[in-house]
Amino acid sequence: MKISQRYAAPLLLGLVSTLLSTHAIAMGGMGGGCMMGCTTTPTVIDPPRGAAFQDPVTMPNISTISGIVEVNMEAKVAPININGVTANLMTYNGTYPAPTIKVKKGDLLKVHFKNSLPYTGLNMMGDARDLTNLHTHGLHVSPEGNSDNTMLSLMSGELFDYEYDLSLHPGGNLNFYHPHRHGNTAEQMWGGMAGALEVADETPALAAYETHIMMLKDISLDGAAPAAHTMDDFMSGKEGNVMMVNGKVNPVLNMKPGQVQRWKIVNASNARFYKLSLGSHNLQVIGSDGGLLNKPYAQSSILLSPGERVDVMVKASTTKGYYKLLSNPYDRGMSMMSGGGSQQITLLTVNVTGTAVTNSIPGTINASAVRLAVPAGTPTRQITLSMGMMGGMEAYINGIAFSETNAYTAHSSVNTYEIWEVFNQSMMDHPFHQHVNPAQVISISGGDSAYKSLYTTSPAWKDTVIVPKGGSVKLLVPIKDYTGMTMFHCHILEHEDIGMMGLWDIR
């Protein structure tokens, strides 16, 4: 086990800079798609109804001791069926999506990790492709030692025991786990390495409802392997041409007329945004990244960027039939040039069938959920996100592209509050993710109006929030419980790998 660093210099950086200077990425050099500001007719992607919906498999708990969840996790390449094509994907424990880890507040989670990824040379970042580690996205745990330490780097064949003390993590939210080895994160997660991490509710109020986990993930294949990244992919964020829920294309989920189900949804894609809607139904938002809300918030559509999670309740129509869960067109910026932002995609089909039932959505979900008042005298930190265009394949926080030798570093004191103003100087949205401590959204300038309304009025805790292109976000950040070195970054993973990441030194 070694401390994370980019072991080889970016060997292609000089070549990349030269090519990008003539490639004109900012003016539409991403496959001949729409330039900024034009009108595009949405492309309808409506695959045939597929197999019956299935939740991801659950990772076995090998512990026999109450309060300890112990799992074996192996990162390895395995054959996976992708819409009828067998492809060799990067996986955890050979499944796609990875198995769901289920814990509750107060547990000690032990992960016996083995890196069985093969060494296959260097990637475009100049890094050995087998190097990896583990990030528990959303957990309020220590960032040091063998906990959520994203500074670690594990080589092929290496073993490591992670331990996460969940005594201070709130219950009732869906998180997920994925690699976070700088320089390899995008390729490994694109290749299949992501799984849900469910923290049980602290109240039994929602226990009676049928509940499902939905991992949203896209991919493109080149023969029997994930399609390789290009320079354009690192600048725009890589989107796939196969969109799946729990590894299946347009699965069919049965609901009885009038039934209420609870869906816990995570966007595990590298760069694709999903604007979700269900035909003839409202989606009742009852939870966000950091836990349950005070009440349901009815939404006709929900915008979900990479790394975000949403907890919704759905009451089925009394009219039997098929209803499509769609991802509707949304212009995140440069994705419009490659077509991703102009697609209407059928992700899943709900089949309302069988004998009607009488269910209702509770009016109160978590009575203790409140929006915090901003403490008087709270200091403000300004963070600016920007992209290199003609000058090289880089992205920046406060003008610095993250590397092992240079990074913008925020210094904070534990058990204090800060206001973070995050500005976006680029032509595309950036989902901003901070480790360890979730925040509440004070305000959003620009972007989707429904997204802004939901997260600036509800008592939502967010560890990932969209900073609109040309806009800004203001966050109230409680810095609680844990000291150590952690990170914040854009969760378009290609942008993280090319430098849109900073260090957060909490003391």
Protein backbone atom coordinates (compact mmCIF):
# COMPACT_ATOMS: atom_id res chain seq x y z
CA MET A 1 0.00 0.00 0.00
CA LYS A 2 1.32 3.40 -0.98
CA ILE A 3 0.26 7.00 -0.54
CA SER A 4 -1.59 8.15 -3.64
CA GLN A 5 0.36 9.96 -6.30
CA ARG A 6 0.35 10.06 -10.05
CA TYR A 7 3.27 7.69 -10.52
CA ALA A 8 4.17 8.81 -14.01
CA ALA A 9 4.07 12.37 -15.31
CA PRO A 10 1.25 13.04 -17.78
CA LEU A 11 3.22 11.68 -20.74
CA LEU A 12 0.78 12.95 -23.31
CA LEU A 13 0.28 16.45 -21.92
CA GLY A 14 2.44 18.17 -24.50
CA LEU A 15 0.77 16.28 -27.32
CA VAL A 16 -2.66 16.89 -25.84
CA SER A 17 -2.05 20.63 -25.58
CA THR A 18 -0.96 20.78 -29.20
CA LEU A 19 -3.93 18.79 -30.43
CA LEU A 20 -6.45 20.70 -28.35
CA SER A 21 -5.16 24.02 -29.63
CA THR A 22 -6.36 23.03 -33.11
CA HIS A 23 -9.30 20.90 -32.05
CA ALA A 24 -11.56 23.76 -30.89
CA ILE A 25 -13.44 21.79 -28.29
CA ALA A 26 -15.30 24.84 -27.10
CA MET A 27 -16.78 25.39 -30.58
CA GLY A 28 -18.29 21.98 -31.10
CA GLY A 29 -15.48 19.53 -31.78
CA MET A 30 -17.26 16.68 -30.00
CA GLY A 31 -18.62 14.53 -32.77
CA GLY A 32 -20.30 17.18 -34.90
CA GLY A 33 -23.22 17.89 -32.58
CA CYS A 34 -25.07 21.06 -31.75
CA MET A 35 -23.14 24.21 -30.90
CA MET A 36 -24.14 26.20 -27.85
CA GLY A 37 -27.41 28.08 -28.06
CA CYS A 38 -29.01 26.26 -30.98
CA THR A 39 -32.31 24.37 -30.93
CA THR A 40 -32.16 20.60 -31.09
CA THR A 41 -35.03 18.20 -31.66
CA PRO A 42 -34.88 15.59 -28.90
CA THR A 43 -33.75 12.13 -29.89
CA VAL A 44 -36.19 9.54 -28.53
CA ILE A 45 -34.50 6.39 -27.21
CA ASP A 46 -37.31 3.97 -26.40
CA PRO A 47 -35.99 0.39 -26.20
CA PRO A 48 -38.42 -2.54 -25.99
CA ARG A 49 -39.60 -3.54 -22.55
CA GLY A 50 -36.96 -5.77 -21.01
CA ALA A 51 -36.68 -8.29 -18.22
CA ALA A 52 -38.41 -8.06 -14.86
CA PHE A 53 -36.89 -5.43 -12.57
CA GLN A 54 -34.43 -6.73 -10.01
CA ASP A 55 -32.68 -4.95 -7.17
CA PRO A 56 -28.89 -5.27 -7.03
CA VAL A 57 -27.74 -8.31 -5.10
CA THR A 58 -26.86 -7.79 -1.44
CA MET A 59 -23.25 -8.22 -0.34
CA PRO A 60 -23.08 -11.04 2.25
CA ASN A 61 -22.29 -10.01 5.81
CA ILE A 62 -19.80 -12.56 7.09
CA SER A 63 -19.85 -11.19 10.64
CA THR A 64 -21.80 -13.00 13.37
CA ILE A 65 -21.35 -10.13 15.85
CA SER A 66 -24.18 -7.66 16.32
CA GLY A 67 -23.15 -4.14 15.29
CA ILE A 68 -20.39 -5.32 12.96
CA VAL A 69 -20.96 -5.62 9.20
CA GLU A 70 -18.03 -7.41 7.58
CA VAL A 71 -17.71 -7.98 3.84
CA ASN A 72 -15.23 -9.30 1.33
CA MET A 73 -14.75 -7.04 -1.68
CA GLU A 74 -12.65 -7.85 -4.73
CA ALA A 75 -12.00 -5.46 -7.60
CA LYS A 76 -11.68 -7.61 -10.71
CA VAL A 77 -12.49 -7.90 -14.40
CA ALA A 78 -15.45 -10.19 -15.05
CA PRO A 79 -17.72 -11.09 -17.99
CA ILE A 80 -21.03 -9.21 -17.76
CA ASN A 81 -24.09 -9.36 -20.02
CA ILE A 82 -24.78 -5.85 -21.32
CA ASN A 83 -28.04 -5.87 -23.26
CA GLY A 84 -27.23 -9.23 -24.86
CA VAL A 85 -23.49 -8.62 -25.35
CA THR A 86 -20.92 -10.26 -23.07
CA ALA A 87 -18.33 -7.68 -22.09
CA ASN A 88 -15.34 -7.78 -19.76
CA LEU A 89 -16.08 -5.04 -17.23
CA MET A 90 -14.32 -3.78 -14.14
CA THR A 91 -16.42 -4.98 -11.22
CA TYR A 92 -16.63 -5.51 -7.50
CA ASN A 93 -17.13 -9.20 -6.74
CA GLY A 94 -17.91 -9.96 -10.38
CA THR A 95 -21.36 -8.36 -10.50
CA TYR A 96 -22.76 -5.32 -12.31
CA PRO A 97 -23.83 -3.21 -10.58
CA ALA A 98 -21.78 -4.15 -7.56
CA PRO A 99 -23.52 -5.74 -4.56
CA THR A 100 -25.36 -3.45 -2.15
CA ILE A 101 -23.77 -3.06 1.28
CA LYS A 102 -26.45 -2.71 3.98
CA VAL A 103 -25.61 -1.12 7.33
CA LYS A 104 -27.28 0.91 10.08
CA LYS A 105 -26.22 3.85 12.20
CA GLY A 106 -23.77 2.78 14.90
CA ASP A 107 -22.38 -0.17 12.95
CA LEU A 108 -18.71 -0.81 12.37
CA LEU A 109 -18.29 -1.61 8.67
CA LYS A 110 -15.26 -3.75 7.85
CA VAL A 111 -14.28 -4.22 4.21
CA HIS A 112 -11.64 -6.79 3.36
CA PHE A 113 -10.51 -5.38 0.03
CA LYS A 114 -8.49 -7.19 -2.64
CA ASN A 115 -7.27 -5.54 -5.82
CA SER A 116 -7.34 -8.13 -8.60
CA LEU A 117 -7.40 -5.65 -11.46
CA PRO A 118 -4.75 -6.60 -14.00
CA TYR A 119 -1.91 -4.29 -14.92
CA THR A 120 -2.56 -3.26 -18.54
CA GLY A 121 -0.21 -0.32 -18.97
CA LEU A 122 -0.70 3.42 -18.54
CA ASN A 123 -3.78 5.48 -19.27
CA MET A 124 -3.97 8.97 -20.79
CA MET A 125 -3.20 10.46 -17.38
CA GLY A 126 0.08 8.55 -17.28
CA ASP A 127 -1.16 6.27 -14.48
CA ALA A 128 -0.99 2.49 -14.19
CA ARG A 129 -4.53 1.28 -14.83
CA ASP A 130 -4.55 -1.27 -12.01
CA LEU A 131 -4.07 1.28 -9.21
CA THR A 132 -7.26 1.76 -7.21
CA ASN A 133 -8.79 2.47 -3.80
CA LEU A 134 -12.24 2.75 -2.22
CA HIS A 135 -14.44 5.77 -1.49
CA THR A 136 -17.68 5.51 0.50
CA HIS A 137 -19.46 8.42 -1.15
CA GLY A 138 -21.73 10.18 1.35
CA LEU A 139 -20.61 8.58 4.60
CA HIS A 140 -19.91 10.95 7.51
CA VAL A 141 -16.81 9.09 8.70
CA SER A 142 -13.14 9.78 9.27
CA PRO A 143 -11.05 10.53 6.16
CA GLU A 144 -7.87 9.22 7.77
CA GLY A 145 -6.07 5.91 8.27
CA ASN A 146 -8.02 2.91 7.02
CA SER A 147 -11.37 4.73 6.93
CA ASP A 148 -12.53 6.84 3.94
CA ASN A 149 -8.96 7.71 3.02
CA THR A 150 -8.89 8.62 -0.67
CA MET A 151 -5.15 9.31 -0.49
CA LEU A 152 -4.48 5.56 -0.51
CA SER A 153 -3.42 3.67 -3.62
CA LEU A 154 -3.51 -0.12 -3.97
CA MET A 155 -1.61 -2.03 -6.63
CA SER A 156 -2.71 -5.20 -8.38
CA GLY A 157 -2.61 -8.14 -5.97
CA GLU A 158 -2.62 -5.94 -2.88
CA LEU A 159 -4.91 -6.50 0.13
CA PHE A 160 -6.22 -3.84 2.49
CA ASP A 161 -8.68 -3.79 5.40
CA TYR A 162 -10.95 -0.74 5.54
CA GLU A 163 -12.97 0.13 8.66
CA TYR A 164 -15.75 2.71 8.89
CA ASP A 165 -17.22 3.77 12.25
CA LEU A 166 -20.84 4.73 11.56
CA SER A 167 -21.63 5.92 15.07
CA LEU A 168 -21.94 9.56 13.92
CA HIS A 169 -23.45 8.93 10.51
CA PRO A 170 -27.21 9.62 10.29
CA GLY A 171 -29.57 6.86 9.30
CA GLY A 172 -32.04 6.69 6.45
CA ASN A 173 -30.02 7.48 3.35
CA LEU A 174 -28.55 5.84 0.28
CA ASN A 175 -24.88 6.28 -0.44
CA PHE A 176 -22.62 4.43 -2.83
CA TYR A 177 -19.07 3.19 -3.12
CA HIS A 178 -16.65 3.52 -6.00
CA PRO A 179 -12.93 3.97 -6.72
CA HIS A 180 -11.31 7.34 -6.04
CA ARG A 181 -7.73 6.88 -7.14
CA HIS A 182 -6.87 10.17 -8.83
CA GLY A 183 -6.08 9.62 -12.50
CA ASN A 184 -7.99 6.31 -12.63
CA THR A 185 -11.38 7.21 -11.18
CA ALA A 186 -13.13 7.97 -14.47
CA GLU A 187 -11.97 4.86 -16.36
CA GLN A 188 -12.65 2.48 -13.48
CA MET A 189 -16.11 3.76 -12.66
CA TRP A 190 -16.97 3.96 -16.37
CA GLY A 191 -15.89 0.34 -16.60
CA GLY A 192 -18.38 -0.77 -13.95
CA MET A 193 -16.99 -0.22 -10.45
CA ALA A 194 -19.89 1.19 -8.40
CA GLY A 195 -22.30 -0.19 -5.82
CA ALA A 196 -25.00 1.08 -3.46
CA LEU A 197 -24.38 1.55 0.26
CA GLU A 198 -27.67 1.69 2.14
CA VAL A 199 -27.94 3.03 5.69
CA ALA A 200 -31.15 1.80 7.32
CA ASP A 201 -33.85 4.17 8.55
CA GLU A 202 -33.78 5.01 12.24
CA THR A 203 -37.57 4.93 12.29
CA PRO A 204 -39.88 2.08 11.26
CA ALA A 205 -42.39 4.55 9.75
CA LEU A 206 -41.49 3.60 6.17
CA ALA A 207 -40.84 -0.10 6.75
CA ALA A 208 -44.19 -1.28 5.38
CA TYR A 209 -43.60 0.11 1.89
CA GLU A 210 -42.14 -2.00 -0.89
CA THR A 211 -38.71 -0.49 -1.45
CA HIS A 212 -36.29 -0.71 -4.37
CA ILE A 213 -32.76 0.50 -5.10
CA MET A 214 -32.09 1.85 -8.58
CA MET A 215 -28.55 2.34 -9.87
CA LEU A 216 -28.58 4.52 -13.00
CA LYS A 217 -25.54 3.83 -15.17
CA ASP A 218 -24.61 4.24 -18.82
CA ILE A 219 -21.87 2.64 -20.88
CA SER A 220 -20.64 2.20 -24.45
CA LEU A 221 -18.88 -0.94 -25.59
CA ASP A 222 -16.13 -1.45 -28.11
CA GLY A 223 -16.35 -5.15 -28.84
CA ALA A 224 -16.05 -6.98 -25.54
CA ALA A 225 -14.72 -4.04 -23.51
CA PRO A 226 -15.87 -0.62 -22.33
CA ALA A 227 -15.19 2.00 -25.00
CA ALA A 228 -11.90 3.79 -24.37
CA HIS A 229 -11.73 7.40 -23.26
CA THR A 230 -10.70 10.12 -25.72
CA MET A 231 -9.39 13.61 -25.10
CA ASP A 232 -12.87 14.96 -25.85
CA ASP A 233 -14.32 12.64 -23.19
CA PHE A 234 -12.04 14.10 -20.54
CA MET A 235 -13.06 17.63 -21.42
CA SER A 236 -16.80 17.04 -21.81
CA GLY A 237 -17.41 14.02 -19.56
CA LYS A 238 -18.02 10.59 -21.05
CA GLU A 239 -21.59 9.52 -21.79
CA GLY A 240 -22.62 6.07 -23.01
CA ASN A 241 -25.08 4.84 -25.62
CA VAL A 242 -26.55 2.10 -23.41
CA MET A 243 -28.57 3.44 -20.45
CA MET A 244 -29.45 0.97 -17.70
CA VAL A 245 -31.20 0.57 -14.38
CA ASN A 246 -29.40 -2.02 -12.22
CA GLY A 247 -27.51 -3.23 -15.28
CA LYS A 248 -30.63 -3.84 -17.41
CA VAL A 249 -32.12 -1.90 -20.30
CA ASN A 250 -35.72 -0.83 -19.68
CA PRO A 251 -36.62 -3.41 -17.01
CA VAL A 252 -40.29 -3.78 -16.05
CA LEU A 253 -41.32 -3.02 -12.47
CA ASN A 254 -44.75 -4.24 -11.36
CA MET A 255 -47.00 -2.10 -9.17
CA LYS A 256 -50.57 -2.73 -8.07
CA PRO A 257 -53.15 -0.02 -8.77
CA GLY A 258 -53.03 2.46 -5.89
CA GLN A 259 -49.86 0.93 -4.41
CA VAL A 260 -47.15 3.15 -2.93
CA GLN A 261 -43.52 2.15 -3.47
CA ARG A 262 -40.31 3.73 -2.26
CA TRP A 263 -37.45 4.10 -4.74
CA LYS A 264 -33.89 4.93 -3.69
CA ILE A 265 -32.09 6.19 -6.77
CA VAL A 266 -28.39 6.90 -7.33
CA ASN A 267 -26.79 8.42 -10.41
CA ALA A 268 -23.70 6.25 -10.81
CA SER A 269 -22.85 7.55 -14.28
CA ASN A 270 -19.61 9.37 -15.02
CA ALA A 271 -21.14 12.44 -16.62
CA ARG A 272 -24.75 11.85 -17.68
CA PHE A 273 -27.45 13.93 -16.00
CA TYR A 274 -30.91 12.37 -15.63
CA LYS A 275 -34.06 14.49 -15.56
CA LEU A 276 -36.50 11.89 -14.28
CA SER A 277 -40.25 11.80 -14.77
CA LEU A 278 -42.86 9.03 -14.63
CA GLY A 279 -45.75 9.25 -17.06
CA SER A 280 -49.03 10.37 -15.40
CA HIS A 281 -47.43 10.29 -11.93
CA ASN A 282 -45.72 12.65 -9.51
CA LEU A 283 -42.50 11.71 -7.80
CA GLN A 284 -42.71 12.51 -4.08
CA VAL A 285 -39.22 13.35 -2.84
CA ILE A 286 -38.78 12.19 0.77
CA GLY A 287 -34.98 12.15 1.02
CA SER A 288 -31.79 13.53 -0.51
CA ASP A 289 -28.08 12.69 -0.36
CA GLY A 290 -27.84 13.10 3.39
CA GLY A 291 -31.08 11.59 4.68
CA LEU A 292 -34.83 11.89 5.02
CA LEU A 293 -36.78 15.15 4.63
CA ASN A 294 -39.51 16.45 6.92
CA LYS A 295 -42.31 15.71 4.44
CA PRO A 296 -42.89 14.62 0.83
CA TYR A 297 -42.14 17.21 -1.87
CA ALA A 298 -44.17 16.53 -5.02
CA GLN A 299 -42.15 16.91 -8.22
CA SER A 300 -43.19 16.41 -11.82
CA SER A 301 -39.52 15.80 -12.66
CA ILE A 302 -36.28 15.41 -10.71
CA LEU A 303 -32.84 16.42 -11.97
CA LEU A 304 -30.08 14.06 -10.85
CA SER A 305 -26.42 14.77 -11.62
CA PRO A 306 -23.55 12.28 -11.25
CA GLY A 307 -23.06 11.37 -7.59
CA GLU A 308 -26.47 12.60 -6.42
CA ARG A 309 -29.06 10.37 -4.77
CA VAL A 310 -32.78 10.89 -4.29
CA ASP A 311 -35.34 8.99 -2.20
CA VAL A 312 -38.85 9.09 -3.66
CA MET A 313 -42.27 7.60 -3.03
CA VAL A 314 -44.57 6.82 -5.95
CA LYS A 315 -48.29 6.11 -5.72
CA ALA A 316 -49.40 4.03 -8.71
CA SER A 317 -52.31 5.15 -10.81
CA THR A 318 -55.61 3.33 -10.38
CA THR A 319 -55.60 2.87 -14.17
CA LYS A 320 -53.81 -0.29 -15.21
CA GLY A 321 -51.22 -0.08 -17.95
CA TYR A 322 -47.60 0.67 -18.74
CA TYR A 323 -45.96 3.92 -17.60
CA LYS A 324 -42.45 4.97 -18.62
CA LEU A 325 -39.79 6.31 -16.28
CA LEU A 326 -38.06 8.78 -18.58
CA SER A 327 -34.84 10.72 -18.57
CA ASN A 328 -35.90 13.91 -20.31
CA PRO A 329 -33.72 16.30 -22.31
CA TYR A 330 -31.53 18.54 -20.18
CA ASP A 331 -28.76 20.78 -21.46
CA ARG A 332 -25.86 20.40 -19.05
CA GLY A 333 -23.69 22.34 -21.47
CA MET A 334 -21.19 20.65 -23.69
CA SER A 335 -23.18 17.39 -23.68
CA MET A 336 -25.51 19.09 -26.16
CA MET A 337 -22.68 18.96 -28.69
CA SER A 338 -22.47 15.18 -28.40
CA GLY A 339 -26.25 14.69 -28.27
CA GLY A 340 -26.55 13.49 -24.68
CA GLY A 341 -28.44 16.54 -23.50
CA SER A 342 -31.06 16.28 -26.23
CA GLN A 343 -32.17 12.70 -25.56
CA GLN A 344 -35.44 11.43 -24.16
CA ILE A 345 -34.64 7.98 -22.79
CA THR A 346 -36.95 5.30 -21.45
CA LEU A 347 -35.06 3.98 -18.42
CA LEU A 348 -37.68 1.70 -16.88
CA THR A 349 -41.31 0.73 -17.42
CA VAL A 350 -43.83 0.49 -14.59
CA ASN A 351 -46.55 -2.09 -15.22
CA VAL A 352 -49.59 -1.22 -13.11
CA THR A 353 -51.38 -4.54 -12.87
CA GLY A 354 -53.17 -6.89 -10.49
CA THR A 355 -55.58 -6.27 -7.65
CA ALA A 356 -55.94 -2.69 -6.45
CA VAL A 357 -54.69 -1.77 -2.98
CA THR A 358 -55.29 1.22 -0.74
CA ASN A 359 -51.97 2.85 0.16
CA SER A 360 -51.17 6.40 1.12
CA ILE A 361 -48.01 8.45 1.34
CA PRO A 362 -47.39 9.67 4.89
CA GLY A 363 -47.65 13.41 5.44
CA THR A 364 -44.68 13.46 7.82
CA ILE A 365 -41.44 11.66 7.06
CA ASN A 366 -38.76 12.92 9.45
CA ALA A 367 -40.07 15.48 11.93
CA SER A 368 -36.55 16.32 13.13
CA ALA A 369 -35.39 17.49 9.67
CA VAL A 370 -35.02 21.28 9.63
CA ARG A 371 -33.23 23.94 7.65
CA LEU A 372 -30.45 25.51 9.66
CA ALA A 373 -30.16 29.25 10.24
CA VAL A 374 -26.80 30.64 9.18
CA PRO A 375 -24.85 31.39 12.39
CA ALA A 376 -23.88 35.03 12.79
CA GLY A 377 -20.34 35.80 11.73
CA THR A 378 -19.94 32.63 9.66
CA PRO A 379 -16.87 33.04 7.43
CA THR A 380 -17.21 32.71 3.66
CA ARG A 381 -14.93 30.72 1.38
CA GLN A 382 -14.98 31.27 -2.39
CA ILE A 383 -14.30 28.39 -4.76
CA THR A 384 -14.15 28.86 -8.54
CA LEU A 385 -14.47 26.00 -11.03
CA SER A 386 -13.03 26.45 -14.52
CA MET A 387 -11.89 24.49 -17.54
CA GLY A 388 -8.85 24.65 -19.80
CA MET A 389 -9.97 24.85 -23.40
CA MET A 390 -7.36 25.57 -26.03
CA GLY A 391 -4.42 25.48 -23.62
CA GLY A 392 -4.50 21.84 -22.52
CA MET A 393 -6.49 18.96 -21.07
CA GLU A 394 -6.90 20.45 -17.61
CA ALA A 395 -9.61 21.62 -15.21
CA TYR A 396 -9.14 23.86 -12.20
CA ILE A 397 -10.27 24.85 -8.73
CA ASN A 398 -9.26 28.44 -7.98
CA GLY A 399 -6.95 28.32 -10.97
CA ILE A 400 -5.03 25.23 -9.85
CA ALA A 401 -5.20 21.83 -11.55
CA PHE A 402 -4.89 19.13 -8.88
CA SER A 403 -1.71 17.05 -8.90
CA GLU A 404 0.38 15.20 -6.36
CA THR A 405 2.57 18.27 -5.99
CA ASN A 406 0.10 21.14 -6.29
CA ALA A 407 -3.52 21.60 -5.26
CA TYR A 408 -5.81 24.30 -3.94
CA THR A 409 -6.11 23.51 -0.24
CA ALA A 410 -8.90 24.72 2.03
CA HIS A 411 -7.95 24.85 5.73
CA SER A 412 -10.88 24.49 8.15
CA SER A 413 -11.37 24.04 11.88
CA VAL A 414 -13.43 21.14 13.16
CA ASN A 415 -16.78 21.85 14.83
CA THR A 416 -17.28 25.16 13.06
CA TYR A 417 -19.44 26.41 10.20
CA GLU A 418 -18.44 27.94 6.88
CA ILE A 419 -20.31 29.39 3.92
CA TRP A 420 -18.94 28.12 0.62
CA GLU A 421 -19.67 30.16 -2.50
CA VAL A 422 -18.92 27.95 -5.50
CA PHE A 423 -18.69 29.76 -8.84
CA ASN A 424 -18.77 28.09 -12.24
CA GLN A 425 -16.84 29.94 -14.94
CA SER A 426 -17.28 27.24 -17.59
CA MET A 427 -19.85 26.49 -20.27
CA MET A 428 -21.18 23.34 -18.59
CA ASP A 429 -22.75 22.36 -15.27
CA HIS A 430 -20.49 20.84 -12.63
CA PRO A 431 -21.81 18.60 -9.82
CA PHE A 432 -19.75 19.74 -6.81
CA HIS A 433 -19.06 17.01 -4.25
CA GLN A 434 -17.41 17.43 -0.86
CA HIS A 435 -16.35 14.45 1.25
CA VAL A 436 -17.16 13.75 4.93
CA ASN A 437 -19.52 16.68 5.67
CA PRO A 438 -22.83 17.25 3.85
CA ALA A 439 -24.17 20.80 3.49
CA GLN A 440 -27.43 22.67 3.11
CA VAL A 441 -28.01 24.77 0.00
CA ILE A 442 -28.58 28.44 0.78
CA SER A 443 -29.00 29.66 -2.80
CA ILE A 444 -28.42 28.74 -6.44
CA SER A 445 -27.85 31.22 -9.26
CA GLY A 446 -28.93 29.92 -12.68
CA GLY A 447 -29.82 26.39 -13.69
CA ASP A 448 -33.00 24.35 -13.39
CA SER A 449 -35.75 26.21 -11.50
CA ALA A 450 -37.38 23.11 -9.97
CA TYR A 451 -33.99 21.85 -8.72
CA LYS A 452 -33.27 25.25 -7.19
CA SER A 453 -36.68 25.43 -5.52
CA LEU A 454 -36.45 21.94 -4.01
CA TYR A 455 -33.01 22.23 -2.50
CA THR A 456 -33.16 25.85 -1.30
CA THR A 457 -36.46 25.41 0.56
CA SER A 458 -36.42 21.85 1.90
CA PRO A 459 -34.25 20.69 4.85
CA ALA A 460 -32.10 18.64 2.45
CA TRP A 461 -28.55 17.64 3.27
CA LYS A 462 -26.41 17.53 0.15
CA ASP A 463 -22.91 16.25 -0.50
CA THR A 464 -23.30 16.75 -4.26
CA VAL A 465 -24.98 19.79 -5.78
CA ILE A 466 -25.16 21.13 -9.33
CA VAL A 467 -23.30 24.39 -9.92
CA PRO A 468 -24.97 25.70 -13.10
CA LYS A 469 -22.88 26.79 -16.06
CA GLY A 470 -22.07 30.47 -15.60
CA GLY A 471 -23.81 30.39 -12.21
CA SER A 472 -23.05 29.75 -8.57
CA VAL A 473 -24.15 27.93 -5.43
CA LYS A 474 -23.96 29.06 -1.81
CA LEU A 475 -23.66 26.28 0.79
CA LEU A 476 -23.81 26.21 4.57
CA VAL A 477 -21.14 23.68 5.52
CA PRO A 478 -21.03 22.30 9.09
CA ILE A 479 -17.52 20.94 9.68
CA LYS A 480 -18.24 18.28 12.25
CA ASP A 481 -16.58 15.53 14.26
CA TYR A 482 -13.61 14.50 12.09
CA THR A 483 -10.19 15.93 11.37
CA GLY A 484 -7.89 14.92 8.55
CA MET A 485 -7.16 15.53 4.89
CA THR A 486 -10.04 14.98 2.49
CA MET A 487 -11.24 16.34 -0.86
CA PHE A 488 -13.85 18.23 -2.84
CA HIS A 489 -14.23 18.05 -6.60
CA CYS A 490 -16.43 17.96 -9.65
CA HIS A 491 -18.26 14.64 -9.87
CA ILE A 492 -18.05 14.54 -13.62
CA LEU A 493 -15.28 12.06 -13.02
CA GLU A 494 -13.23 12.98 -16.06
CA HIS A 495 -13.05 16.54 -14.73
CA GLU A 496 -11.84 15.25 -11.37
CA ASP A 497 -9.08 13.28 -13.06
CA ILE A 498 -7.84 16.24 -15.11
CA GLY A 499 -7.62 18.51 -12.10
CA MET A 500 -10.98 19.91 -10.88
CA MET A 501 -10.30 18.77 -7.32
CA GLY A 502 -9.05 20.43 -4.16
CA LEU A 503 -7.79 19.27 -0.78
CA TRP A 504 -9.70 19.96 2.44
CA ASP A 505 -7.45 20.06 5.50
CA ILE A 506 -9.63 19.87 8.63
CA ARG A 507 -7.92 20.39 12.00
